[in-house]
Amino acid sequence: MMKAVIDGKTGLILGAHLYCAESYEIINLFKLAMDAGIPYTVLRDNIYTHPTMSEALNDLFAALN
Protein backbone atom coordinates (compact mmCIF):
# COMPACT_ATOMS: atom_id res chain seq x y z
CA MET A 1 0.00 0.00 0.00
CA MET A 2 1.31 3.42 -0.96
CA LYS A 3 -0.31 6.78 -0.34
CA ALA A 4 0.93 10.28 -1.13
CA VAL A 5 -0.43 13.69 -0.20
CA ILE A 6 -0.05 16.16 -3.07
CA ASP A 7 -0.65 19.92 -3.09
CA GLY A 8 -3.40 20.43 -5.65
CA LYS A 9 -2.07 23.78 -6.86
CA THR A 10 1.67 23.15 -7.06
CA GLY A 11 1.84 19.39 -7.55
CA LEU A 12 4.41 19.17 -4.76
CA ILE A 13 4.52 16.10 -2.55
CA LEU A 14 3.60 16.99 1.03
CA GLY A 15 3.96 13.54 2.56
CA ALA A 16 3.76 9.82 1.94
CA HIS A 17 2.79 6.57 3.62
CA LEU A 18 4.47 3.42 2.37
CA TYR A 19 3.56 -0.02 3.59
CA CYS A 20 5.17 -2.28 1.02
CA ALA A 21 8.25 -4.28 0.19
CA GLU A 22 11.35 -2.16 -0.41
CA SER A 23 9.69 0.89 1.19
CA TYR A 24 13.05 1.78 2.74
CA GLU A 25 14.36 2.39 -0.81
CA ILE A 26 11.31 4.17 -2.22
CA ILE A 27 11.07 6.65 0.64
CA ASN A 28 14.38 8.12 -0.52
CA LEU A 29 12.75 9.16 -3.79
CA PHE A 30 9.95 10.90 -1.92
CA LYS A 31 12.43 12.66 0.38
CA LEU A 32 14.54 13.85 -2.55
CA ALA A 33 11.49 15.19 -4.40
CA MET A 34 10.20 16.95 -1.28
CA ASP A 35 13.56 18.54 -0.43
CA ALA A 36 14.21 19.69 -3.99
CA GLY A 37 10.68 20.96 -4.66
CA ILE A 38 10.16 18.45 -7.46
CA PRO A 39 6.49 17.89 -8.40
CA TYR A 40 4.94 14.42 -8.33
CA THR A 41 4.81 14.41 -12.13
CA VAL A 42 8.56 13.86 -12.29
CA LEU A 43 8.25 10.68 -10.23
CA ARG A 44 5.14 9.65 -12.19
CA ASP A 45 6.80 10.06 -15.59
CA ASN A 46 10.18 8.59 -14.68
CA ILE A 47 11.18 5.26 -16.22
CA TYR A 48 12.10 2.80 -13.47
CA THR A 49 14.00 -0.44 -13.83
CA HIS A 50 11.99 -3.64 -13.97
CA PRO A 51 11.29 -5.49 -11.79
CA THR A 52 11.47 -3.08 -8.87
CA MET A 53 8.99 -1.70 -6.37
CA SER A 54 9.74 1.85 -7.53
CA GLU A 55 7.73 1.03 -10.67
CA ALA A 56 4.66 1.38 -8.48
CA LEU A 57 5.18 5.17 -8.43
CA ASN A 58 3.97 5.29 -12.04
CA ASP A 59 0.71 3.67 -10.94
CA LEU A 60 0.42 5.62 -7.70
CA PHE A 61 0.46 8.97 -9.49
CA ALA A 62 -1.26 7.91 -12.75
CA ALA A 63 -4.76 8.89 -11.66
CA LEU A 64 -3.81 12.46 -10.76
CA ASN A 65 -4.27 15.31 -13.24
PDB file of N, CA and C in Angstrom:
ATOM      1  N   MET A   1       0.843  -1.166   0.000  1.00  0.00           N
ATOM      2  CA  MET A   1       0.000   0.000   0.000  1.00  0.00           C
ATOM      3  C   MET A   1       0.894   1.237   0.000  1.00  0.00           C
ATOM      4  N   MET A   2       0.588   2.157  -0.887  1.00  0.00           N
ATOM      5  CA  MET A   2       1.312   3.424  -0.962  1.00  0.00           C
ATOM      6  C   MET A   2       0.281   4.552  -1.034  1.00  0.00           C
ATOM      7  N   LYS A   3       0.564   5.628  -0.315  1.00  0.00           N
ATOM      8  CA  LYS A   3      -0.315   6.781  -0.340  1.00  0.00           C
ATOM      9  C   LYS A   3       0.566   8.020  -0.327  1.00  0.00           C
ATOM     10  N   ALA A   4       0.193   9.020  -1.114  1.00  0.00           N
ATOM     11  CA  ALA A   4       0.928  10.276  -1.129  1.00  0.00           C
ATOM     12  C   ALA A   4      -0.054  11.429  -1.013  1.00  0.00           C
ATOM     13  N   VAL A   5       0.365  12.474  -0.320  1.00  0.00           N
ATOM     14  CA  VAL A   5      -0.427  13.686  -0.199  1.00  0.00           C
ATOM     15  C   VAL A   5       0.226  14.733  -1.103  1.00  0.00           C
ATOM     16  N   ILE A   6      -0.559  15.234  -2.061  1.00  0.00           N
ATOM     17  CA  ILE A   6      -0.055  16.156  -3.070  1.00  0.00           C
ATOM     18  C   ILE A   6      -0.779  17.490  -2.946  1.00  0.00           C
ATOM     19  N   ASP A   7      -0.040  18.593  -3.045  1.00  0.00           N
ATOM     20  CA  ASP A   7      -0.645  19.919  -3.086  1.00  0.00           C
ATOM     21  C   ASP A   7      -1.333  20.079  -4.436  1.00  0.00           C
ATOM     22  N   GLY A   8      -2.622  20.346  -4.429  1.00  0.00           N
ATOM     23  CA  GLY A   8      -3.402  20.432  -5.653  1.00  0.00           C
ATOM     24  C   GLY A   8      -3.009  21.571  -6.576  1.00  0.00           C
ATOM     25  N   LYS A   9      -2.450  22.629  -6.038  1.00  0.00           N
ATOM     26  CA  LYS A   9      -2.074  23.784  -6.860  1.00  0.00           C
ATOM     27  C   LYS A   9      -0.670  23.648  -7.434  1.00  0.00           C
ATOM     28  N   THR A  10       0.261  23.177  -6.630  1.00  0.00           N
ATOM     29  CA  THR A  10       1.665  23.150  -7.059  1.00  0.00           C
ATOM     30  C   THR A  10       2.127  21.791  -7.559  1.00  0.00           C
ATOM     31  N   GLY A  11       1.417  20.737  -7.181  1.00  0.00           N
ATOM     32  CA  GLY A  11       1.839  19.390  -7.547  1.00  0.00           C
ATOM     33  C   GLY A  11       2.976  18.862  -6.689  1.00  0.00           C
ATOM     34  N   LEU A  12       3.321  19.594  -5.633  1.00  0.00           N
ATOM     35  CA  LEU A  12       4.405  19.165  -4.758  1.00  0.00           C
ATOM     36  C   LEU A  12       3.923  18.077  -3.799  1.00  0.00           C
ATOM     37  N   ILE A  13       4.819  17.181  -3.475  1.00  0.00           N
ATOM     38  CA  ILE A  13       4.524  16.097  -2.553  1.00  0.00           C
ATOM     39  C   ILE A  13       4.661  16.634  -1.128  1.00  0.00           C
ATOM     40  N   LEU A  14       3.605  16.497  -0.347  1.00  0.00           N
ATOM     41  CA  LEU A  14       3.599  16.988   1.027  1.00  0.00           C
ATOM     42  C   LEU A  14       3.929  15.889   2.029  1.00  0.00           C
ATOM     43  N   GLY A  15       3.682  14.649   1.663  1.00  0.00           N
ATOM     44  CA  GLY A  15       3.964  13.540   2.560  1.00  0.00           C
ATOM     45  C   GLY A  15       3.629  12.231   1.881  1.00  0.00           C
ATOM     46  N   ALA A  16       4.015  11.140   2.512  1.00  0.00           N
ATOM     47  CA  ALA A  16       3.756   9.819   1.937  1.00  0.00           C
ATOM     48  C   ALA A  16       3.664   8.772   3.038  1.00  0.00           C
ATOM     49  N   HIS A  17       2.912   7.735   2.745  1.00  0.00           N
ATOM     50  CA  HIS A  17       2.787   6.574   3.620  1.00  0.00           C
ATOM     51  C   HIS A  17       3.081   5.357   2.757  1.00  0.00           C
ATOM     52  N   LEU A  18       4.075   4.592   3.141  1.00  0.00           N
ATOM     53  CA  LEU A  18       4.471   3.422   2.369  1.00  0.00           C
ATOM     54  C   LEU A  18       4.434   2.190   3.254  1.00  0.00           C
ATOM     55  N   TYR A  19       3.620   1.261   2.889  1.00  0.00           N
ATOM     56  CA  TYR A  19       3.561  -0.023   3.586  1.00  0.00           C
ATOM     57  C   TYR A  19       3.683  -1.095   2.517  1.00  0.00           C
ATOM     58  N   CYS A  20       4.923  -1.346   2.109  1.00  0.00           N
ATOM     59  CA  CYS A  20       5.166  -2.285   1.018  1.00  0.00           C
ATOM     60  C   CYS A  20       6.610  -2.785   1.090  1.00  0.00           C
ATOM     61  N   ALA A  21       6.873  -3.784   0.297  1.00  0.00           N
ATOM     62  CA  ALA A  21       8.247  -4.279   0.192  1.00  0.00           C
ATOM     63  C   ALA A  21       9.131  -3.180  -0.370  1.00  0.00           C
ATOM     64  N   GLU A  22      10.357  -3.134   0.072  1.00  0.00           N
ATOM     65  CA  GLU A  22      11.348  -2.157  -0.406  1.00  0.00           C
ATOM     66  C   GLU A  22      10.977  -0.699  -0.094  1.00  0.00           C
ATOM     67  N   SER A  23      10.087  -0.490   0.868  1.00  0.00           N
ATOM     68  CA  SER A  23       9.694   0.887   1.193  1.00  0.00           C
ATOM     69  C   SER A  23      10.881   1.714   1.669  1.00  0.00           C
ATOM     70  N   TYR A  24      11.863   1.071   2.262  1.00  0.00           N
ATOM     71  CA  TYR A  24      13.049   1.785   2.740  1.00  0.00           C
ATOM     72  C   TYR A  24      13.861   2.351   1.576  1.00  0.00           C
ATOM     73  N   GLU A  25      13.704   1.834   0.375  1.00  0.00           N
ATOM     74  CA  GLU A  25      14.362   2.393  -0.809  1.00  0.00           C
ATOM     75  C   GLU A  25      13.508   3.483  -1.449  1.00  0.00           C
ATOM     76  N   ILE A  26      12.210   3.245  -1.545  1.00  0.00           N
ATOM     77  CA  ILE A  26      11.308   4.170  -2.219  1.00  0.00           C
ATOM     78  C   ILE A  26      11.184   5.482  -1.458  1.00  0.00           C
ATOM     79  N   ILE A  27      11.233   5.438  -0.150  1.00  0.00           N
ATOM     80  CA  ILE A  27      11.069   6.654   0.639  1.00  0.00           C
ATOM     81  C   ILE A  27      12.152   7.675   0.307  1.00  0.00           C
ATOM     82  N   ASN A  28      13.313   7.200  -0.127  1.00  0.00           N
ATOM     83  CA  ASN A  28      14.380   8.124  -0.516  1.00  0.00           C
ATOM     84  C   ASN A  28      13.984   8.963  -1.720  1.00  0.00           C
ATOM     85  N   LEU A  29      13.225   8.399  -2.637  1.00  0.00           N
ATOM     86  CA  LEU A  29      12.754   9.162  -3.794  1.00  0.00           C
ATOM     87  C   LEU A  29      11.778  10.251  -3.367  1.00  0.00           C
ATOM     88  N   PHE A  30      10.883   9.913  -2.442  1.00  0.00           N
ATOM     89  CA  PHE A  30       9.951  10.901  -1.921  1.00  0.00           C
ATOM     90  C   PHE A  30      10.701  12.026  -1.204  1.00  0.00           C
ATOM     91  N   LYS A  31      11.657  11.667  -0.383  1.00  0.00           N
ATOM     92  CA  LYS A  31      12.433  12.659   0.375  1.00  0.00           C
ATOM     93  C   LYS A  31      13.195  13.587  -0.560  1.00  0.00           C
ATOM     94  N   LEU A  32      13.813  13.039  -1.581  1.00  0.00           N
ATOM     95  CA  LEU A  32      14.542  13.849  -2.546  1.00  0.00           C
ATOM     96  C   LEU A  32      13.600  14.822  -3.256  1.00  0.00           C
ATOM     97  N   ALA A  33      12.455  14.336  -3.705  1.00  0.00           N
ATOM     98  CA  ALA A  33      11.488  15.191  -4.396  1.00  0.00           C
ATOM     99  C   ALA A  33      10.973  16.297  -3.472  1.00  0.00           C
ATOM    100  N   MET A  34      10.712  15.954  -2.224  1.00  0.00           N
ATOM    101  CA  MET A  34      10.202  16.951  -1.281  1.00  0.00           C
ATOM    102  C   MET A  34      11.259  17.998  -0.965  1.00  0.00           C
ATOM    103  N   ASP A  35      12.484  17.588  -0.741  1.00  0.00           N
ATOM    104  CA  ASP A  35      13.563  18.536  -0.425  1.00  0.00           C
ATOM    105  C   ASP A  35      13.895  19.454  -1.594  1.00  0.00           C
ATOM    106  N   ALA A  36      13.824  18.923  -2.810  1.00  0.00           N
ATOM    107  CA  ALA A  36      14.207  19.690  -3.992  1.00  0.00           C
ATOM    108  C   ALA A  36      13.039  20.440  -4.628  1.00  0.00           C
ATOM    109  N   GLY A  37      11.839  20.273  -4.094  1.00  0.00           N
ATOM    110  CA  GLY A  37      10.681  20.955  -4.659  1.00  0.00           C
ATOM    111  C   GLY A  37      10.290  20.406  -6.023  1.00  0.00           C
ATOM    112  N   ILE A  38      10.472  19.107  -6.197  1.00  0.00           N
ATOM    113  CA  ILE A  38      10.155  18.451  -7.459  1.00  0.00           C
ATOM    114  C   ILE A  38       8.697  17.979  -7.408  1.00  0.00           C
ATOM    115  N   PRO A  39       7.890  18.315  -8.416  1.00  0.00           N
ATOM    116  CA  PRO A  39       6.487  17.887  -8.397  1.00  0.00           C
ATOM    117  C   PRO A  39       6.345  16.376  -8.610  1.00  0.00           C
ATOM    118  N   TYR A  40       5.198  15.867  -8.215  1.00  0.00           N
ATOM    119  CA  TYR A  40       4.938  14.424  -8.327  1.00  0.00           C
ATOM    120  C   TYR A  40       5.034  13.943  -9.767  1.00  0.00           C
ATOM    121  N   THR A  41       4.798  14.815 -10.732  1.00  0.00           N
ATOM    122  CA  THR A  41       4.811  14.412 -12.134  1.00  0.00           C
ATOM    123  C   THR A  41       6.172  13.880 -12.566  1.00  0.00           C
ATOM    124  N   VAL A  42       7.231  14.364 -11.955  1.00  0.00           N
ATOM    125  CA  VAL A  42       8.564  13.862 -12.289  1.00  0.00           C
ATOM    126  C   VAL A  42       8.696  12.400 -11.865  1.00  0.00           C
ATOM    127  N   LEU A  43       8.213  12.070 -10.674  1.00  0.00           N
ATOM    128  CA  LEU A  43       8.245  10.676 -10.228  1.00  0.00           C
ATOM    129  C   LEU A  43       7.284   9.820 -11.052  1.00  0.00           C
ATOM    130  N   ARG A  44       6.133  10.392 -11.401  1.00  0.00           N
ATOM    131  CA  ARG A  44       5.144   9.654 -12.193  1.00  0.00           C
ATOM    132  C   ARG A  44       5.679   9.297 -13.574  1.00  0.00           C
ATOM    133  N   ASP A  45       6.371  10.235 -14.208  1.00  0.00           N
ATOM    134  CA  ASP A  45       6.801  10.061 -15.591  1.00  0.00           C
ATOM    135  C   ASP A  45       8.186   9.441 -15.739  1.00  0.00           C
ATOM    136  N   ASN A  46       8.860   9.197 -14.630  1.00  0.00           N
ATOM    137  CA  ASN A  46      10.180   8.592 -14.679  1.00  0.00           C
ATOM    138  C   ASN A  46      10.079   7.143 -15.162  1.00  0.00           C
ATOM    139  N   ILE A  47      11.120   6.656 -15.800  1.00  0.00           N
ATOM    140  CA  ILE A  47      11.185   5.256 -16.217  1.00  0.00           C
ATOM    141  C   ILE A  47      12.038   4.517 -15.195  1.00  0.00           C
ATOM    142  N   TYR A  48      11.428   3.558 -14.518  1.00  0.00           N
ATOM    143  CA  TYR A  48      12.097   2.802 -13.468  1.00  0.00           C
ATOM    144  C   TYR A  48      12.512   1.430 -13.999  1.00  0.00           C
ATOM    145  N   THR A  49      13.560   0.886 -13.421  1.00  0.00           N
ATOM    146  CA  THR A  49      14.001  -0.443 -13.827  1.00  0.00           C
ATOM    147  C   THR A  49      12.959  -1.491 -13.449  1.00  0.00           C
ATOM    148  N   HIS A  50      12.951  -2.562 -14.202  1.00  0.00           N
ATOM    149  CA  HIS A  50      11.992  -3.643 -13.974  1.00  0.00           C
ATOM    150  C   HIS A  50      12.765  -4.918 -13.674  1.00  0.00           C
ATOM    151  N   PRO A  51      12.376  -5.670 -12.738  1.00  0.00           N
ATOM    152  CA  PRO A  51      11.292  -5.489 -11.787  1.00  0.00           C
ATOM    153  C   PRO A  51      11.784  -4.826 -10.500  1.00  0.00           C
ATOM    154  N   THR A  52      11.180  -3.745 -10.139  1.00  0.00           N
ATOM    155  CA  THR A  52      11.470  -3.080  -8.870  1.00  0.00           C
ATOM    156  C   THR A  52      10.174  -2.523  -8.285  1.00  0.00           C
ATOM    157  N   MET A  53      10.167  -2.282  -7.011  1.00  0.00           N
ATOM    158  CA  MET A  53       8.989  -1.700  -6.368  1.00  0.00           C
ATOM    159  C   MET A  53       8.799  -0.242  -6.766  1.00  0.00           C
ATOM    160  N   SER A  54       9.867   0.437  -7.152  1.00  0.00           N
ATOM    161  CA  SER A  54       9.738   1.847  -7.531  1.00  0.00           C
ATOM    162  C   SER A  54       8.852   2.025  -8.761  1.00  0.00           C
ATOM    163  N   GLU A  55       8.661   0.977  -9.541  1.00  0.00           N
ATOM    164  CA  GLU A  55       7.731   1.030 -10.673  1.00  0.00           C
ATOM    165  C   GLU A  55       6.322   1.399 -10.223  1.00  0.00           C
ATOM    166  N   ALA A  56       5.993   1.100  -9.003  1.00  0.00           N
ATOM    167  CA  ALA A  56       4.662   1.385  -8.476  1.00  0.00           C
ATOM    168  C   ALA A  56       4.377   2.878  -8.421  1.00  0.00           C
ATOM    169  N   LEU A  57       5.409   3.722  -8.453  1.00  0.00           N
ATOM    170  CA  LEU A  57       5.183   5.165  -8.434  1.00  0.00           C
ATOM    171  C   LEU A  57       4.461   5.626  -9.698  1.00  0.00           C
ATOM    172  N   ASN A  58       4.716   4.970 -10.823  1.00  0.00           N
ATOM    173  CA  ASN A  58       3.972   5.292 -12.043  1.00  0.00           C
ATOM    174  C   ASN A  58       2.480   5.069 -11.822  1.00  0.00           C
ATOM    175  N   ASP A  59       2.118   3.970 -11.199  1.00  0.00           N
ATOM    176  CA  ASP A  59       0.707   3.665 -10.936  1.00  0.00           C
ATOM    177  C   ASP A  59       0.127   4.541  -9.844  1.00  0.00           C
ATOM    178  N   LEU A  60       0.899   4.807  -8.807  1.00  0.00           N
ATOM    179  CA  LEU A  60       0.420   5.624  -7.698  1.00  0.00           C
ATOM    180  C   LEU A  60      -0.034   7.003  -8.182  1.00  0.00           C
ATOM    181  N   PHE A  61       0.743   7.611  -9.052  1.00  0.00           N
ATOM    182  CA  PHE A  61       0.455   8.974  -9.491  1.00  0.00           C
ATOM    183  C   PHE A  61      -0.317   9.042 -10.808  1.00  0.00           C
ATOM    184  N   ALA A  62      -0.615   7.915 -11.437  1.00  0.00           N
ATOM    185  CA  ALA A  62      -1.260   7.911 -12.751  1.00  0.00           C
ATOM    186  C   ALA A  62      -2.644   8.542 -12.757  1.00  0.00           C
ATOM    187  N   ALA A  63      -3.392   8.409 -11.692  1.00  0.00           N
ATOM    188  CA  ALA A  63      -4.759   8.894 -11.661  1.00  0.00           C
ATOM    189  C   ALA A  63      -4.869  10.399 -11.419  1.00  0.00           C
ATOM    190  N   LEU A  64      -3.767  11.027 -11.039  1.00  0.00           N
ATOM    191  CA  LEU A  64      -3.806  12.462 -10.759  1.00  0.00           C
ATOM    192  C   LEU A  64      -3.698  13.272 -12.040  1.00  0.00           C
ATOM    193  N   ASN A  65      -4.339  14.417 -12.063  1.00  0.00           N
ATOM    194  CA  ASN A  65      -4.269  15.309 -13.238  1.00  0.00           C
ATOM    195  C   ASN A  65      -3.224  16.352 -13.023  1.00  0.00           C
TER     196      ASN A  65
END
